[in-house]
Amino acid sequence: MAKTTQKTTVYLDTEDYRRLKALARATHRKPAHLLREAVAEYTARERPRRNARSVGAGDSGRDDLSERAEDLLTGMGLGRRSAGRGRGRRR
């Protein structure tokens, strides 16, 4: 299946254009092909990374697992004296 293409205009400085044309001649490819290849490689490398989903997000149907996670997280982010005072209670 062939990809469809979209036309665009790119302005290059004289030196970059000269090097692009020389590379195209040396590799027996068209400058447009080299530009498409460069853009595809760059956008694949620079695309935003997906963030990991939250642990325990959604209803897994396993209440024992949820309770275990809550027990492990109890007291996190609280001072040493507050940790272990009970689930979800702050003073």
PDB file of N, CA and C in Angstrom:
ATOM      1  N   MET A   1       0.840  -1.171   0.000  1.00  0.00           N
ATOM      2  CA  MET A   1       0.000   0.000   0.000  1.00  0.00           C
ATOM      3  C   MET A   1       0.894   1.245   0.000  1.00  0.00           C
ATOM      4  N   ALA A   2       0.675   2.137  -0.952  1.00  0.00           N
ATOM      5  CA  ALA A   2       1.484   3.345  -1.072  1.00  0.00           C
ATOM      6  C   ALA A   2       1.025   4.403  -0.076  1.00  0.00           C
ATOM      7  N   LYS A   3       1.988   5.144   0.456  1.00  0.00           N
ATOM      8  CA  LYS A   3       1.673   6.246   1.359  1.00  0.00           C
ATOM      9  C   LYS A   3       1.246   7.449   0.526  1.00  0.00           C
ATOM     10  N   THR A   4       0.302   8.209   1.040  1.00  0.00           N
ATOM     11  CA  THR A   4      -0.021   9.467   0.393  1.00  0.00           C
ATOM     12  C   THR A   4       0.948  10.518   0.901  1.00  0.00           C
ATOM     13  N   THR A   5       1.175  11.531   0.090  1.00  0.00           N
ATOM     14  CA  THR A   5       2.111  12.574   0.484  1.00  0.00           C
ATOM     15  C   THR A   5       1.404  13.924   0.537  1.00  0.00           C
ATOM     16  N   GLN A   6       1.979  14.826   1.288  1.00  0.00           N
ATOM     17  CA  GLN A   6       1.467  16.183   1.430  1.00  0.00           C
ATOM     18  C   GLN A   6       2.565  17.137   0.989  1.00  0.00           C
ATOM     19  N   LYS A   7       2.224  18.070   0.142  1.00  0.00           N
ATOM     20  CA  LYS A   7       3.217  19.026  -0.351  1.00  0.00           C
ATOM     21  C   LYS A   7       3.451  20.130   0.677  1.00  0.00           C
ATOM     22  N   THR A   8       4.715  20.505   0.832  1.00  0.00           N
ATOM     23  CA  THR A   8       5.076  21.619   1.710  1.00  0.00           C
ATOM     24  C   THR A   8       6.272  22.346   1.107  1.00  0.00           C
ATOM     25  N   THR A   9       6.553  23.504   1.607  1.00  0.00           N
ATOM     26  CA  THR A   9       7.703  24.280   1.156  1.00  0.00           C
ATOM     27  C   THR A   9       8.662  24.436   2.324  1.00  0.00           C
ATOM     28  N   VAL A  10       9.930  24.185   2.054  1.00  0.00           N
ATOM     29  CA  VAL A  10      10.962  24.321   3.074  1.00  0.00           C
ATOM     30  C   VAL A  10      12.035  25.256   2.526  1.00  0.00           C
ATOM     31  N   TYR A  11      12.386  26.246   3.320  1.00  0.00           N
ATOM     32  CA  TYR A  11      13.454  27.160   2.945  1.00  0.00           C
ATOM     33  C   TYR A  11      14.731  26.735   3.657  1.00  0.00           C
ATOM     34  N   LEU A  12      15.772  26.487   2.859  1.00  0.00           N
ATOM     35  CA  LEU A  12      17.070  26.091   3.406  1.00  0.00           C
ATOM     36  C   LEU A  12      18.079  27.192   3.116  1.00  0.00           C
ATOM     37  N   ASP A  13      19.068  27.321   4.002  1.00  0.00           N
ATOM     38  CA  ASP A  13      20.116  28.280   3.675  1.00  0.00           C
ATOM     39  C   ASP A  13      20.959  27.696   2.538  1.00  0.00           C
ATOM     40  N   THR A  14      21.705  28.542   1.891  1.00  0.00           N
ATOM     41  CA  THR A  14      22.435  28.164   0.680  1.00  0.00           C
ATOM     42  C   THR A  14      23.366  26.982   0.905  1.00  0.00           C
ATOM     43  N   GLU A  15      24.076  26.979   2.007  1.00  0.00           N
ATOM     44  CA  GLU A  15      25.041  25.897   2.269  1.00  0.00           C
ATOM     45  C   GLU A  15      24.338  24.560   2.513  1.00  0.00           C
ATOM     46  N   ASP A  16      23.242  24.562   3.296  1.00  0.00           N
ATOM     47  CA  ASP A  16      22.501  23.320   3.520  1.00  0.00           C
ATOM     48  C   ASP A  16      21.926  22.786   2.212  1.00  0.00           C
ATOM     49  N   TYR A  17      21.414  23.691   1.365  1.00  0.00           N
ATOM     50  CA  TYR A  17      20.853  23.269   0.081  1.00  0.00           C
ATOM     51  C   TYR A  17      21.933  22.668  -0.813  1.00  0.00           C
ATOM     52  N   ARG A  18      23.108  23.289  -0.820  1.00  0.00           N
ATOM     53  CA  ARG A  18      24.225  22.774  -1.628  1.00  0.00           C
ATOM     54  C   ARG A  18      24.620  21.360  -1.170  1.00  0.00           C
ATOM     55  N   ARG A  19      24.696  21.181   0.162  1.00  0.00           N
ATOM     56  CA  ARG A  19      25.060  19.853   0.686  1.00  0.00           C
ATOM     57  C   ARG A  19      23.972  18.824   0.390  1.00  0.00           C
ATOM     58  N   LEU A  20      22.710  19.226   0.480  1.00  0.00           N
ATOM     59  CA  LEU A  20      21.604  18.316   0.168  1.00  0.00           C
ATOM     60  C   LEU A  20      21.679  17.860  -1.287  1.00  0.00           C
ATOM     61  N   LYS A  21      21.900  18.803  -2.203  1.00  0.00           N
ATOM     62  CA  LYS A  21      21.999  18.458  -3.631  1.00  0.00           C
ATOM     63  C   LYS A  21      23.198  17.547  -3.898  1.00  0.00           C
ATOM     64  N   ALA A  22      24.315  17.822  -3.244  1.00  0.00           N
ATOM     65  CA  ALA A  22      25.509  16.994  -3.439  1.00  0.00           C
ATOM     66  C   ALA A  22      25.261  15.576  -2.921  1.00  0.00           C
ATOM     67  N   LEU A  23      24.614  15.474  -1.765  1.00  0.00           N
ATOM     68  CA  LEU A  23      24.309  14.153  -1.210  1.00  0.00           C
ATOM     69  C   LEU A  23      23.325  13.401  -2.110  1.00  0.00           C
ATOM     70  N   ALA A  24      22.366  14.100  -2.635  1.00  0.00           N
ATOM     71  CA  ALA A  24      21.395  13.473  -3.544  1.00  0.00           C
ATOM     72  C   ALA A  24      22.097  12.917  -4.784  1.00  0.00           C
ATOM     73  N   ARG A  25      22.992  13.725  -5.366  1.00  0.00           N
ATOM     74  CA  ARG A  25      23.737  13.248  -6.536  1.00  0.00           C
ATOM     75  C   ARG A  25      24.595  12.037  -6.183  1.00  0.00           C
ATOM     76  N   ALA A  26      25.286  12.102  -5.042  1.00  0.00           N
ATOM     77  CA  ALA A  26      26.201  11.030  -4.651  1.00  0.00           C
ATOM     78  C   ALA A  26      25.472   9.718  -4.349  1.00  0.00           C
ATOM     79  N   THR A  27      24.238   9.815  -3.876  1.00  0.00           N
ATOM     80  CA  THR A  27      23.486   8.605  -3.496  1.00  0.00           C
ATOM     81  C   THR A  27      22.434   8.216  -4.538  1.00  0.00           C
ATOM     82  N   HIS A  28      22.386   8.972  -5.647  1.00  0.00           N
ATOM     83  CA  HIS A  28      21.438   8.702  -6.741  1.00  0.00           C
ATOM     84  C   HIS A  28      19.988   8.710  -6.252  1.00  0.00           C
ATOM     85  N   ARG A  29      19.722   9.675  -5.371  1.00  0.00           N
ATOM     86  CA  ARG A  29      18.347   9.862  -4.888  1.00  0.00           C
ATOM     87  C   ARG A  29      17.965  11.324  -5.076  1.00  0.00           C
ATOM     88  N   LYS A  30      16.685  11.588  -5.035  1.00  0.00           N
ATOM     89  CA  LYS A  30      16.210  12.956  -5.185  1.00  0.00           C
ATOM     90  C   LYS A  30      16.295  13.682  -3.846  1.00  0.00           C
ATOM     91  N   PRO A  31      16.534  15.005  -3.883  1.00  0.00           N
ATOM     92  CA  PRO A  31      16.579  15.779  -2.645  1.00  0.00           C
ATOM     93  C   PRO A  31      15.288  15.638  -1.828  1.00  0.00           C
ATOM     94  N   ALA A  32      14.145  15.587  -2.479  1.00  0.00           N
ATOM     95  CA  ALA A  32      12.869  15.443  -1.762  1.00  0.00           C
ATOM     96  C   ALA A  32      12.825  14.135  -0.975  1.00  0.00           C
ATOM     97  N   HIS A  33      13.382  13.074  -1.550  1.00  0.00           N
ATOM     98  CA  HIS A  33      13.422  11.786  -0.847  1.00  0.00           C
ATOM     99  C   HIS A  33      14.287  11.891   0.408  1.00  0.00           C
ATOM    100  N   LEU A  34      15.428  12.546   0.281  1.00  0.00           N
ATOM    101  CA  LEU A  34      16.314  12.715   1.431  1.00  0.00           C
ATOM    102  C   LEU A  34      15.643  13.541   2.523  1.00  0.00           C
ATOM    103  N   LEU A  35      14.919  14.590   2.136  1.00  0.00           N
ATOM    104  CA  LEU A  35      14.211  15.408   3.122  1.00  0.00           C
ATOM    105  C   LEU A  35      13.116  14.604   3.831  1.00  0.00           C
ATOM    106  N   ARG A  36      12.337  13.821   3.060  1.00  0.00           N
ATOM    107  CA  ARG A  36      11.285  12.991   3.680  1.00  0.00           C
ATOM    108  C   ARG A  36      11.893  11.998   4.654  1.00  0.00           C
ATOM    109  N   GLU A  37      13.004  11.399   4.251  1.00  0.00           N
ATOM    110  CA  GLU A  37      13.691  10.433   5.112  1.00  0.00           C
ATOM    111  C   GLU A  37      14.193  11.109   6.397  1.00  0.00           C
ATOM    112  N   ALA A  38      14.766  12.291   6.261  1.00  0.00           N
ATOM    113  CA  ALA A  38      15.294  13.022   7.426  1.00  0.00           C
ATOM    114  C   ALA A  38      14.163  13.434   8.368  1.00  0.00           C
ATOM    115  N   VAL A  39      13.054  13.913   7.821  1.00  0.00           N
ATOM    116  CA  VAL A  39      11.923  14.328   8.651  1.00  0.00           C
ATOM    117  C   VAL A  39      11.321  13.118   9.362  1.00  0.00           C
ATOM    118  N   ALA A  40      11.177  12.006   8.665  1.00  0.00           N
ATOM    119  CA  ALA A  40      10.614  10.795   9.280  1.00  0.00           C
ATOM    120  C   ALA A  40      11.488  10.315  10.436  1.00  0.00           C
ATOM    121  N   GLU A  41      12.789  10.321  10.238  1.00  0.00           N
ATOM    122  CA  GLU A  41      13.706   9.891  11.291  1.00  0.00           C
ATOM    123  C   GLU A  41      13.674  10.834  12.486  1.00  0.00           C
ATOM    124  N   TYR A  42      13.678  12.131  12.218  1.00  0.00           N
ATOM    125  CA  TYR A  42      13.671  13.118  13.295  1.00  0.00           C
ATOM    126  C   TYR A  42      12.375  13.058  14.105  1.00  0.00           C
ATOM    127  N   THR A  43      11.245  13.009  13.419  1.00  0.00           N
ATOM    128  CA  THR A  43       9.975  13.004  14.144  1.00  0.00           C
ATOM    129  C   THR A  43       9.767  11.707  14.917  1.00  0.00           C
ATOM    130  N   ALA A  44      10.291  10.606  14.422  1.00  0.00           N
ATOM    131  CA  ALA A  44      10.200   9.346  15.174  1.00  0.00           C
ATOM    132  C   ALA A  44      11.038   9.421  16.446  1.00  0.00           C
ATOM    133  N   ARG A  45      12.194  10.033  16.357  1.00  0.00           N
ATOM    134  CA  ARG A  45      13.100  10.136  17.506  1.00  0.00           C
ATOM    135  C   ARG A  45      12.604  11.154  18.533  1.00  0.00           C
ATOM    136  N   GLU A  46      11.989  12.233  18.096  1.00  0.00           N
ATOM    137  CA  GLU A  46      11.615  13.330  18.975  1.00  0.00           C
ATOM    138  C   GLU A  46      10.159  13.309  19.434  1.00  0.00           C
ATOM    139  N   ARG A  47       9.381  12.313  19.023  1.00  0.00           N
ATOM    140  CA  ARG A  47       7.958  12.331  19.392  1.00  0.00           C
ATOM    141  C   ARG A  47       7.800  12.233  20.899  1.00  0.00           C
ATOM    142  N   PRO A  48       6.743  12.856  21.422  1.00  0.00           N
ATOM    143  CA  PRO A  48       6.513  12.827  22.871  1.00  0.00           C
ATOM    144  C   PRO A  48       6.349  11.389  23.361  1.00  0.00           C
ATOM    145  N   ARG A  49       6.941  11.111  24.489  1.00  0.00           N
ATOM    146  CA  ARG A  49       6.833   9.786  25.096  1.00  0.00           C
ATOM    147  C   ARG A  49       5.544   9.696  25.885  1.00  0.00           C
ATOM    148  N   ARG A  50       4.908   8.542  25.853  1.00  0.00           N
ATOM    149  CA  ARG A  50       3.698   8.342  26.643  1.00  0.00           C
ATOM    150  C   ARG A  50       4.069   8.132  28.097  1.00  0.00           C
ATOM    151  N   ASN A  51       3.306   8.744  28.976  1.00  0.00           N
ATOM    152  CA  ASN A  51       3.521   8.551  30.402  1.00  0.00           C
ATOM    153  C   ASN A  51       2.923   7.216  30.817  1.00  0.00           C
ATOM    154  N   ALA A  52       3.532   6.599  31.808  1.00  0.00           N
ATOM    155  CA  ALA A  52       3.019   5.334  32.313  1.00  0.00           C
ATOM    156  C   ALA A  52       1.676   5.572  32.973  1.00  0.00           C
ATOM    157  N   ARG A  53       0.806   4.585  32.852  1.00  0.00           N
ATOM    158  CA  ARG A  53      -0.489   4.687  33.506  1.00  0.00           C
ATOM    159  C   ARG A  53      -0.298   4.530  35.009  1.00  0.00           C
ATOM    160  N   SER A  54      -1.187   5.106  35.759  1.00  0.00           N
ATOM    161  CA  SER A  54      -1.099   5.024  37.214  1.00  0.00           C
ATOM    162  C   SER A  54      -1.291   3.593  37.675  1.00  0.00           C
ATOM    163  N   VAL A  55      -0.530   3.213  38.672  1.00  0.00           N
ATOM    164  CA  VAL A  55      -0.675   1.884  39.253  1.00  0.00           C
ATOM    165  C   VAL A  55      -2.013   1.843  39.963  1.00  0.00           C
ATOM    166  N   GLY A  56      -2.789   0.811  39.678  1.00  0.00           N
ATOM    167  CA  GLY A  56      -4.062   0.647  40.357  1.00  0.00           C
ATOM    168  C   GLY A  56      -5.184   1.474  39.767  1.00  0.00           C
ATOM    169  N   ALA A  57      -4.956   2.112  38.642  1.00  0.00           N
ATOM    170  CA  ALA A  57      -6.025   2.895  38.025  1.00  0.00           C
ATOM    171  C   ALA A  57      -7.107   1.958  37.512  1.00  0.00           C
ATOM    172  N   GLY A  58      -8.345   2.306  37.744  1.00  0.00           N
ATOM    173  CA  GLY A  58      -9.451   1.481  37.279  1.00  0.00           C
ATOM    174  C   GLY A  58      -9.794   0.419  38.292  1.00  0.00           C
ATOM    175  N   ASP A  59     -10.846  -0.311  38.009  1.00  0.00           N
ATOM    176  CA  ASP A  59     -11.314  -1.360  38.912  1.00  0.00           C
ATOM    177  C   ASP A  59     -10.842  -2.713  38.397  1.00  0.00           C
ATOM    178  N   SER A  60      -9.893  -3.294  39.074  1.00  0.00           N
ATOM    179  CA  SER A  60      -9.373  -4.590  38.639  1.00  0.00           C
ATOM    180  C   SER A  60     -10.217  -5.736  39.158  1.00  0.00           C
ATOM    181  N   GLY A  61     -11.138  -5.437  40.069  1.00  0.00           N
ATOM    182  CA  GLY A  61     -11.970  -6.493  40.643  1.00  0.00           C
ATOM    183  C   GLY A  61     -11.275  -7.268  41.735  1.00  0.00           C
ATOM    184  N   ARG A  62     -10.076  -6.853  42.099  1.00  0.00           N
ATOM    185  CA  ARG A  62      -9.315  -7.562  43.128  1.00  0.00           C
ATOM    186  C   ARG A  62      -9.144  -6.639  44.313  1.00  0.00           C
ATOM    187  N   ASP A  63     -10.115  -6.632  45.210  1.00  0.00           N
ATOM    188  CA  ASP A  63     -10.068  -5.753  46.369  1.00  0.00           C
ATOM    189  C   ASP A  63      -8.866  -6.027  47.266  1.00  0.00           C
ATOM    190  N   ASP A  64      -8.462  -7.301  47.349  1.00  0.00           N
ATOM    191  CA  ASP A  64      -7.310  -7.629  48.202  1.00  0.00           C
ATOM    192  C   ASP A  64      -6.046  -6.955  47.680  1.00  0.00           C
ATOM    193  N   LEU A  65      -5.921  -6.851  46.373  1.00  0.00           N
ATOM    194  CA  LEU A  65      -4.767  -6.182  45.790  1.00  0.00           C
ATOM    195  C   LEU A  65      -4.818  -4.684  46.082  1.00  0.00           C
ATOM    196  N   SER A  66      -5.993  -4.084  45.961  1.00  0.00           N
ATOM    197  CA  SER A  66      -6.152  -2.656  46.253  1.00  0.00           C
ATOM    198  C   SER A  66      -5.839  -2.366  47.713  1.00  0.00           C
ATOM    199  N   GLU A  67      -6.318  -3.218  48.604  1.00  0.00           N
ATOM    200  CA  GLU A  67      -6.051  -3.026  50.036  1.00  0.00           C
ATOM    201  C   GLU A  67      -4.567  -3.161  50.325  1.00  0.00           C
ATOM    202  N   ARG A  68      -3.920  -4.120  49.668  1.00  0.00           N
ATOM    203  CA  ARG A  68      -2.478  -4.319  49.874  1.00  0.00           C
ATOM    204  C   ARG A  68      -1.716  -3.076  49.408  1.00  0.00           C
ATOM    205  N   ALA A  69      -2.102  -2.521  48.285  1.00  0.00           N
ATOM    206  CA  ALA A  69      -1.450  -1.319  47.776  1.00  0.00           C
ATOM    207  C   ALA A  69      -1.658  -0.161  48.746  1.00  0.00           C
ATOM    208  N   GLU A  70      -2.864  -0.018  49.270  1.00  0.00           N
ATOM    209  CA  GLU A  70      -3.144   1.043  50.242  1.00  0.00           C
ATOM    210  C   GLU A  70      -2.289   0.879  51.493  1.00  0.00           C
ATOM    211  N   ASP A  71      -2.145  -0.372  51.962  1.00  0.00           N
ATOM    212  CA  ASP A  71      -1.318  -0.628  53.147  1.00  0.00           C
ATOM    213  C   ASP A  71       0.141  -0.238  52.894  1.00  0.00           C
ATOM    214  N   LEU A  72       0.633  -0.549  51.699  1.00  0.00           N
ATOM    215  CA  LEU A  72       2.021  -0.221  51.376  1.00  0.00           C
ATOM    216  C   LEU A  72       2.236   1.286  51.263  1.00  0.00           C
ATOM    217  N   LEU A  73       1.207   2.009  50.826  1.00  0.00           N
ATOM    218  CA  LEU A  73       1.330   3.445  50.619  1.00  0.00           C
ATOM    219  C   LEU A  73       1.007   4.269  51.856  1.00  0.00           C
ATOM    220  N   THR A  74       0.433   3.661  52.872  1.00  0.00           N
ATOM    221  CA  THR A  74       0.066   4.389  54.078  1.00  0.00           C
ATOM    222  C   THR A  74       1.293   5.059  54.679  1.00  0.00           C
ATOM    223  N   GLY A  75       1.174   6.331  54.939  1.00  0.00           N
ATOM    224  CA  GLY A  75       2.259   7.067  55.569  1.00  0.00           C
ATOM    225  C   GLY A  75       3.253   7.669  54.610  1.00  0.00           C
ATOM    226  N   MET A  76       3.175   7.325  53.326  1.00  0.00           N
ATOM    227  CA  MET A  76       4.117   7.908  52.368  1.00  0.00           C
ATOM    228  C   MET A  76       3.834   9.391  52.246  1.00  0.00           C
ATOM    229  N   GLY A  77       4.851  10.188  52.262  1.00  0.00           N
ATOM    230  CA  GLY A  77       4.716  11.624  52.128  1.00  0.00           C
ATOM    231  C   GLY A  77       4.454  12.314  53.456  1.00  0.00           C
ATOM    232  N   LEU A  78       4.293  11.548  54.511  1.00  0.00           N
ATOM    233  CA  LEU A  78       4.087  12.134  55.830  1.00  0.00           C
ATOM    234  C   LEU A  78       5.393  12.028  56.601  1.00  0.00           C
ATOM    235  N   GLY A  79       5.523  12.810  57.622  1.00  0.00           N
ATOM    236  CA  GLY A  79       6.733  12.732  58.447  1.00  0.00           C
ATOM    237  C   GLY A  79       6.827  11.388  59.142  1.00  0.00           C
ATOM    238  N   ARG A  80       7.967  11.086  59.718  1.00  0.00           N
ATOM    239  CA  ARG A  80       8.162   9.796  60.394  1.00  0.00           C
ATOM    240  C   ARG A  80       7.144   9.564  61.496  1.00  0.00           C
ATOM    241  N   ARG A  81       6.825  10.595  62.254  1.00  0.00           N
ATOM    242  CA  ARG A  81       5.903  10.419  63.375  1.00  0.00           C
ATOM    243  C   ARG A  81       4.495  10.123  62.878  1.00  0.00           C
ATOM    244  N   SER A  82       4.130  10.627  61.678  1.00  0.00           N
ATOM    245  CA  SER A  82       2.770  10.434  61.173  1.00  0.00           C
ATOM    246  C   SER A  82       2.580   9.061  60.549  1.00  0.00           C
ATOM    247  N   ALA A  83       3.647   8.474  60.047  1.00  0.00           N
ATOM    248  CA  ALA A  83       3.535   7.189  59.363  1.00  0.00           C
ATOM    249  C   ALA A  83       3.026   6.124  60.313  1.00  0.00           C
ATOM    250  N   GLY A  84       2.120   5.319  59.815  1.00  0.00           N
ATOM    251  CA  GLY A  84       1.640   4.201  60.601  1.00  0.00           C
ATOM    252  C   GLY A  84       0.504   4.559  61.533  1.00  0.00           C
ATOM    253  N   ARG A  85      -0.040   5.736  61.487  1.00  0.00           N
ATOM    254  CA  ARG A  85      -1.148   6.119  62.373  1.00  0.00           C
ATOM    255  C   ARG A  85      -2.491   5.612  61.859  1.00  0.00           C
ATOM    256  N   GLY A  86      -2.486   4.971  60.771  1.00  0.00           N
ATOM    257  CA  GLY A  86      -3.746   4.456  60.239  1.00  0.00           C
ATOM    258  C   GLY A  86      -3.974   5.004  58.840  1.00  0.00           C
ATOM    259  N   ARG A  87      -4.730   4.233  58.087  1.00  0.00           N
ATOM    260  CA  ARG A  87      -4.931   4.538  56.694  1.00  0.00           C
ATOM    261  C   ARG A  87      -5.737   5.799  56.500  1.00  0.00           C
ATOM    262  N   GLY A  88      -5.184   6.729  55.708  1.00  0.00           N
ATOM    263  CA  GLY A  88      -5.901   7.908  55.301  1.00  0.00           C
ATOM    264  C   GLY A  88      -6.153   8.947  56.376  1.00  0.00           C
ATOM    265  N   ARG A  89      -5.666   8.772  57.578  1.00  0.00           N
ATOM    266  CA  ARG A  89      -5.904   9.754  58.646  1.00  0.00           C
ATOM    267  C   ARG A  89      -4.716  10.679  58.770  1.00  0.00           C
ATOM    268  N   ARG A  90      -4.985  11.961  58.840  1.00  0.00           N
ATOM    269  CA  ARG A  90      -3.931  12.952  59.088  1.00  0.00           C
ATOM    270  C   ARG A  90      -4.336  13.792  60.262  1.00  0.00           C
ATOM    271  N   ARG A  91      -3.371  14.220  60.992  1.00  0.00           N
ATOM    272  CA  ARG A  91      -3.670  15.066  62.156  1.00  0.00           C
ATOM    273  C   ARG A  91      -3.064  16.408  62.013  1.00  0.00           C
TER     274      ARG A  91
END
